[in-house]
N, C-alpha and C. Protein backbone atom coordinates (compact mmCIF):
# COMPACT_ATOMS: atom_id res chain seq x y z
N MET A 1 0.84 -1.18 0.00
CA MET A 1 0.00 0.00 0.00
C MET A 1 0.88 1.25 0.00
N ASP A 2 0.53 2.22 -0.83
CA ASP A 2 1.27 3.47 -0.90
C ASP A 2 1.00 4.30 0.35
N GLN A 3 2.06 4.74 0.99
CA GLN A 3 1.91 5.53 2.20
C GLN A 3 1.72 7.00 1.86
N PRO A 4 0.75 7.66 2.52
CA PRO A 4 0.58 9.09 2.29
C PRO A 4 1.69 9.89 2.98
N VAL A 5 1.91 11.08 2.48
CA VAL A 5 2.87 11.98 3.11
C VAL A 5 2.20 12.60 4.33
N VAL A 6 2.94 12.72 5.42
CA VAL A 6 2.45 13.32 6.66
C VAL A 6 3.28 14.58 6.92
N THR A 7 2.60 15.66 7.27
CA THR A 7 3.29 16.89 7.66
C THR A 7 3.44 16.92 9.17
N ILE A 8 4.65 17.21 9.62
CA ILE A 8 4.88 17.48 11.03
C ILE A 8 5.13 18.98 11.16
N GLY A 9 4.29 19.63 11.95
CA GLY A 9 4.39 21.07 12.14
C GLY A 9 4.95 21.39 13.51
N VAL A 10 6.07 22.08 13.54
CA VAL A 10 6.73 22.44 14.79
C VAL A 10 6.45 23.91 15.09
N LEU A 11 5.96 24.18 16.29
CA LEU A 11 5.71 25.55 16.73
C LEU A 11 6.87 25.99 17.62
N THR A 12 7.52 27.09 17.25
CA THR A 12 8.64 27.57 18.04
C THR A 12 8.47 29.03 18.45
N TYR A 13 9.04 29.34 19.58
CA TYR A 13 9.23 30.72 20.05
C TYR A 13 10.31 30.65 21.13
N ASN A 14 11.45 31.21 20.82
CA ASN A 14 12.59 31.17 21.74
C ASN A 14 12.85 29.75 22.24
N SER A 15 12.94 28.83 21.30
CA SER A 15 13.09 27.41 21.60
C SER A 15 14.52 26.90 21.42
N SER A 16 15.49 27.79 21.39
CA SER A 16 16.86 27.39 21.05
C SER A 16 17.43 26.33 21.98
N LYS A 17 17.00 26.30 23.22
CA LYS A 17 17.54 25.34 24.19
C LYS A 17 17.16 23.90 23.84
N TYR A 18 15.99 23.71 23.19
CA TYR A 18 15.47 22.36 22.96
C TYR A 18 15.22 22.00 21.49
N ILE A 19 15.25 22.96 20.59
CA ILE A 19 14.77 22.72 19.23
C ILE A 19 15.54 21.62 18.50
N ILE A 20 16.83 21.52 18.72
CA ILE A 20 17.61 20.49 18.01
C ILE A 20 17.16 19.10 18.47
N GLU A 21 16.90 18.92 19.75
CA GLU A 21 16.40 17.63 20.23
C GLU A 21 15.04 17.31 19.61
N THR A 22 14.19 18.32 19.51
CA THR A 22 12.88 18.13 18.88
C THR A 22 13.04 17.71 17.43
N LEU A 23 13.87 18.43 16.69
CA LEU A 23 14.08 18.12 15.27
C LEU A 23 14.72 16.74 15.09
N GLU A 24 15.63 16.38 15.95
CA GLU A 24 16.24 15.04 15.87
C GLU A 24 15.20 13.95 16.11
N SER A 25 14.25 14.20 17.01
CA SER A 25 13.21 13.20 17.25
C SER A 25 12.30 13.05 16.04
N ILE A 26 12.13 14.12 15.28
CA ILE A 26 11.34 14.06 14.05
C ILE A 26 12.12 13.32 12.96
N LYS A 27 13.38 13.65 12.85
CA LYS A 27 14.24 12.97 11.86
C LYS A 27 14.30 11.47 12.11
N ALA A 28 14.22 11.05 13.36
CA ALA A 28 14.34 9.63 13.73
C ALA A 28 13.05 8.84 13.53
N GLN A 29 12.01 9.47 13.00
CA GLN A 29 10.75 8.75 12.79
C GLN A 29 10.95 7.56 11.86
N THR A 30 10.29 6.46 12.19
CA THR A 30 10.36 5.27 11.35
C THR A 30 9.47 5.42 10.12
N TYR A 31 8.54 6.34 10.13
CA TYR A 31 7.67 6.59 8.99
C TYR A 31 8.48 7.39 7.96
N PRO A 32 8.51 6.96 6.71
CA PRO A 32 9.44 7.55 5.75
C PRO A 32 9.01 8.86 5.09
N LYS A 33 7.73 9.07 4.86
CA LYS A 33 7.29 10.19 4.01
C LYS A 33 6.81 11.36 4.86
N LEU A 34 7.73 12.28 5.13
CA LEU A 34 7.41 13.40 6.02
C LEU A 34 7.75 14.74 5.38
N ILE A 35 6.89 15.70 5.61
CA ILE A 35 7.16 17.11 5.35
C ILE A 35 7.39 17.75 6.70
N LEU A 36 8.37 18.63 6.80
CA LEU A 36 8.65 19.34 8.05
C LEU A 36 8.37 20.82 7.86
N ASN A 37 7.40 21.33 8.62
CA ASN A 37 7.13 22.76 8.67
C ASN A 37 7.50 23.27 10.06
N ILE A 38 8.25 24.34 10.11
CA ILE A 38 8.57 24.99 11.37
C ILE A 38 7.98 26.39 11.30
N SER A 39 7.08 26.68 12.23
CA SER A 39 6.48 28.01 12.31
C SER A 39 7.01 28.69 13.56
N ASP A 40 7.79 29.72 13.37
CA ASP A 40 8.38 30.46 14.48
C ASP A 40 7.62 31.77 14.67
N ASP A 41 7.44 32.16 15.91
CA ASP A 41 6.67 33.36 16.22
C ASP A 41 7.58 34.53 16.59
N CYS A 42 8.56 34.80 15.71
CA CYS A 42 9.49 35.93 15.87
C CYS A 42 10.37 35.78 17.12
N SER A 43 11.02 34.64 17.21
CA SER A 43 11.93 34.40 18.33
C SER A 43 12.98 35.50 18.42
N THR A 44 13.38 35.81 19.65
CA THR A 44 14.43 36.80 19.87
C THR A 44 15.76 36.14 20.18
N ASP A 45 15.79 34.81 20.26
CA ASP A 45 17.03 34.08 20.43
C ASP A 45 17.47 33.53 19.07
N ASN A 46 18.32 32.53 19.05
CA ASN A 46 18.85 32.02 17.78
C ASN A 46 18.10 30.77 17.27
N THR A 47 16.84 30.63 17.64
CA THR A 47 16.04 29.49 17.20
C THR A 47 16.04 29.35 15.68
N ILE A 48 15.79 30.42 14.97
CA ILE A 48 15.70 30.37 13.50
C ILE A 48 17.04 29.96 12.89
N ASP A 49 18.12 30.52 13.37
CA ASP A 49 19.44 30.16 12.84
C ASP A 49 19.73 28.67 13.06
N LEU A 50 19.39 28.17 14.24
CA LEU A 50 19.60 26.74 14.52
C LEU A 50 18.74 25.88 13.60
N CYS A 51 17.50 26.29 13.38
CA CYS A 51 16.60 25.53 12.49
C CYS A 51 17.12 25.54 11.06
N LYS A 52 17.54 26.68 10.58
CA LYS A 52 18.06 26.78 9.21
C LYS A 52 19.27 25.89 9.02
N GLN A 53 20.19 25.92 9.96
CA GLN A 53 21.39 25.09 9.87
C GLN A 53 21.03 23.61 9.92
N TRP A 54 20.13 23.24 10.85
CA TRP A 54 19.74 21.84 10.98
C TRP A 54 19.05 21.35 9.70
N ILE A 55 18.16 22.16 9.14
CA ILE A 55 17.47 21.77 7.91
C ILE A 55 18.47 21.60 6.77
N GLU A 56 19.42 22.49 6.66
CA GLU A 56 20.42 22.37 5.59
C GLU A 56 21.16 21.04 5.70
N GLU A 57 21.44 20.62 6.92
CA GLU A 57 22.18 19.37 7.13
C GLU A 57 21.30 18.12 7.01
N ASN A 58 19.98 18.27 7.13
CA ASN A 58 19.09 17.11 7.20
C ASN A 58 17.94 17.14 6.20
N LYS A 59 17.96 18.05 5.27
CA LYS A 59 16.82 18.23 4.35
C LYS A 59 16.53 16.99 3.51
N ASP A 60 17.53 16.17 3.25
CA ASP A 60 17.31 14.97 2.44
C ASP A 60 16.43 13.93 3.12
N ARG A 61 16.25 14.05 4.41
CA ARG A 61 15.39 13.12 5.16
C ARG A 61 13.90 13.35 4.86
N PHE A 62 13.58 14.55 4.36
CA PHE A 62 12.19 14.96 4.24
C PHE A 62 11.77 15.15 2.78
N VAL A 63 10.49 14.96 2.53
CA VAL A 63 9.92 15.25 1.22
C VAL A 63 10.06 16.74 0.93
N LYS A 64 9.88 17.56 1.96
CA LYS A 64 9.92 19.01 1.82
C LYS A 64 10.14 19.61 3.21
N THR A 65 10.79 20.76 3.26
CA THR A 65 10.95 21.48 4.52
C THR A 65 10.57 22.95 4.30
N ARG A 66 10.14 23.56 5.38
CA ARG A 66 9.74 24.97 5.30
C ARG A 66 9.88 25.62 6.68
N ILE A 67 10.39 26.84 6.71
CA ILE A 67 10.39 27.65 7.92
C ILE A 67 9.50 28.86 7.64
N ILE A 68 8.55 29.08 8.53
CA ILE A 68 7.59 30.17 8.38
C ILE A 68 7.81 31.17 9.51
N VAL A 69 8.04 32.44 9.15
CA VAL A 69 8.24 33.48 10.15
C VAL A 69 7.40 34.69 9.75
N PRO A 70 6.49 35.13 10.61
CA PRO A 70 5.67 36.29 10.29
C PRO A 70 6.44 37.59 10.52
N GLU A 71 5.84 38.70 10.15
CA GLU A 71 6.47 40.00 10.35
C GLU A 71 6.48 40.44 11.80
N HIS A 72 5.50 39.96 12.59
CA HIS A 72 5.45 40.31 14.01
C HIS A 72 4.87 39.13 14.80
N ASN A 73 5.12 39.13 16.09
CA ASN A 73 4.66 38.07 16.99
C ASN A 73 3.14 38.05 17.01
N THR A 74 2.57 36.84 16.90
CA THR A 74 1.11 36.70 16.85
C THR A 74 0.55 35.86 17.99
N GLY A 75 1.41 35.34 18.86
CA GLY A 75 0.96 34.49 19.95
C GLY A 75 0.79 33.04 19.52
N VAL A 76 0.50 32.20 20.49
CA VAL A 76 0.42 30.76 20.24
C VAL A 76 -0.67 30.42 19.21
N SER A 77 -1.84 31.00 19.37
CA SER A 77 -2.93 30.68 18.44
C SER A 77 -2.59 31.07 17.01
N GLY A 78 -2.06 32.27 16.83
CA GLY A 78 -1.67 32.71 15.50
C GLY A 78 -0.58 31.83 14.91
N ASN A 79 0.38 31.45 15.73
CA ASN A 79 1.46 30.60 15.27
C ASN A 79 0.93 29.23 14.86
N ALA A 80 0.05 28.66 15.67
CA ALA A 80 -0.53 27.36 15.34
C ALA A 80 -1.37 27.45 14.06
N ASN A 81 -2.18 28.47 13.95
CA ASN A 81 -3.01 28.62 12.74
C ASN A 81 -2.16 28.78 11.50
N ARG A 82 -1.08 29.53 11.59
CA ARG A 82 -0.17 29.71 10.46
C ARG A 82 0.43 28.37 10.03
N ASN A 83 0.80 27.57 11.00
CA ASN A 83 1.39 26.26 10.70
C ASN A 83 0.35 25.33 10.06
N TRP A 84 -0.84 25.31 10.60
CA TRP A 84 -1.90 24.47 10.02
C TRP A 84 -2.24 24.92 8.61
N ASP A 85 -2.30 26.24 8.41
CA ASP A 85 -2.62 26.78 7.08
C ASP A 85 -1.56 26.40 6.04
N ALA A 86 -0.33 26.20 6.47
CA ALA A 86 0.75 25.86 5.54
C ALA A 86 0.77 24.38 5.18
N CYS A 87 -0.02 23.58 5.88
CA CYS A 87 -0.03 22.13 5.64
C CYS A 87 -0.62 21.84 4.27
N GLU A 88 0.09 21.04 3.48
CA GLU A 88 -0.34 20.66 2.13
C GLU A 88 -0.80 19.21 2.05
N THR A 89 -0.81 18.51 3.18
CA THR A 89 -1.13 17.09 3.17
C THR A 89 -2.44 16.83 3.93
N GLU A 90 -2.97 15.65 3.73
CA GLU A 90 -4.19 15.26 4.44
C GLU A 90 -3.92 15.01 5.92
N TRP A 91 -2.70 14.56 6.24
CA TRP A 91 -2.36 14.18 7.61
C TRP A 91 -1.35 15.15 8.19
N PHE A 92 -1.60 15.56 9.43
CA PHE A 92 -0.79 16.59 10.10
C PHE A 92 -0.59 16.22 11.56
N LYS A 93 0.62 16.36 12.02
CA LYS A 93 0.95 16.16 13.44
C LYS A 93 1.68 17.41 13.90
N ASP A 94 1.16 18.05 14.94
CA ASP A 94 1.87 19.22 15.44
C ASP A 94 2.61 18.88 16.73
N ILE A 95 3.64 19.66 16.98
CA ILE A 95 4.49 19.45 18.14
C ILE A 95 5.13 20.79 18.51
N ALA A 96 5.30 21.02 19.78
CA ALA A 96 5.97 22.24 20.25
C ALA A 96 7.48 22.08 20.09
N GLY A 97 8.17 23.18 19.99
CA GLY A 97 9.62 23.19 19.79
C GLY A 97 10.42 22.71 20.97
N ASP A 98 9.75 22.34 22.06
CA ASP A 98 10.47 21.79 23.21
C ASP A 98 9.92 20.42 23.60
N ASP A 99 9.27 19.74 22.65
CA ASP A 99 8.74 18.40 22.88
C ASP A 99 9.49 17.39 22.02
N LEU A 100 9.26 16.11 22.29
CA LEU A 100 9.88 15.02 21.53
C LEU A 100 8.83 14.05 21.04
N LEU A 101 9.10 13.42 19.91
CA LEU A 101 8.27 12.33 19.41
C LEU A 101 9.03 11.02 19.60
N LEU A 102 8.33 9.99 20.05
CA LEU A 102 8.93 8.66 20.06
C LEU A 102 9.18 8.25 18.61
N PRO A 103 10.21 7.47 18.33
CA PRO A 103 10.58 7.16 16.95
C PRO A 103 9.48 6.56 16.09
N ASN A 104 8.55 5.84 16.69
CA ASN A 104 7.50 5.19 15.91
C ASN A 104 6.16 5.93 16.00
N CYS A 105 6.14 7.14 16.47
CA CYS A 105 4.91 7.89 16.67
C CYS A 105 4.07 8.00 15.40
N ILE A 106 4.64 8.50 14.34
CA ILE A 106 3.88 8.70 13.10
C ILE A 106 3.51 7.35 12.48
N GLU A 107 4.42 6.40 12.51
CA GLU A 107 4.12 5.07 11.98
C GLU A 107 2.92 4.46 12.70
N TYR A 108 2.91 4.52 14.01
CA TYR A 108 1.79 3.96 14.78
C TYR A 108 0.51 4.72 14.53
N ASN A 109 0.60 6.06 14.45
CA ASN A 109 -0.60 6.86 14.17
C ASN A 109 -1.20 6.48 12.82
N MET A 110 -0.36 6.36 11.81
CA MET A 110 -0.85 6.02 10.47
C MET A 110 -1.36 4.59 10.40
N LYS A 111 -0.74 3.68 11.13
CA LYS A 111 -1.23 2.32 11.18
C LYS A 111 -2.62 2.29 11.79
N TYR A 112 -2.83 3.03 12.86
CA TYR A 112 -4.14 3.10 13.50
C TYR A 112 -5.19 3.65 12.52
N VAL A 113 -4.84 4.72 11.84
CA VAL A 113 -5.76 5.34 10.87
C VAL A 113 -6.14 4.33 9.80
N ASN A 114 -5.17 3.62 9.27
CA ASN A 114 -5.45 2.65 8.20
C ASN A 114 -6.30 1.48 8.67
N GLU A 115 -6.16 1.11 9.93
CA GLU A 115 -6.93 -0.01 10.46
C GLU A 115 -8.34 0.38 10.88
N HIS A 116 -8.56 1.67 11.07
CA HIS A 116 -9.87 2.11 11.58
C HIS A 116 -10.50 3.10 10.65
């Protein structure tokens, strides 16, 4: 069966302390077809620079990558809505920039969807 592409949307704001761990947990997913969207809410630390560097080094892992940064801070709701609006796939998983996914998270989620 052909697997659909799943978008993982990361919400960041001053997440430099944890963002690399978050991104590494996404890269380690056992599910192969992933788009990575990072929506940052105008961080004042080096979150964006870290994300750009990490994506450059790991972009081949993903079907597509994108960093979204608005002109001004919009708060959590605005940041989440911006990330959801950027999703181009039927399936979407969001995660905060200081959270982790277990390696089989997306695989198990998609298996459940297909079985039910």
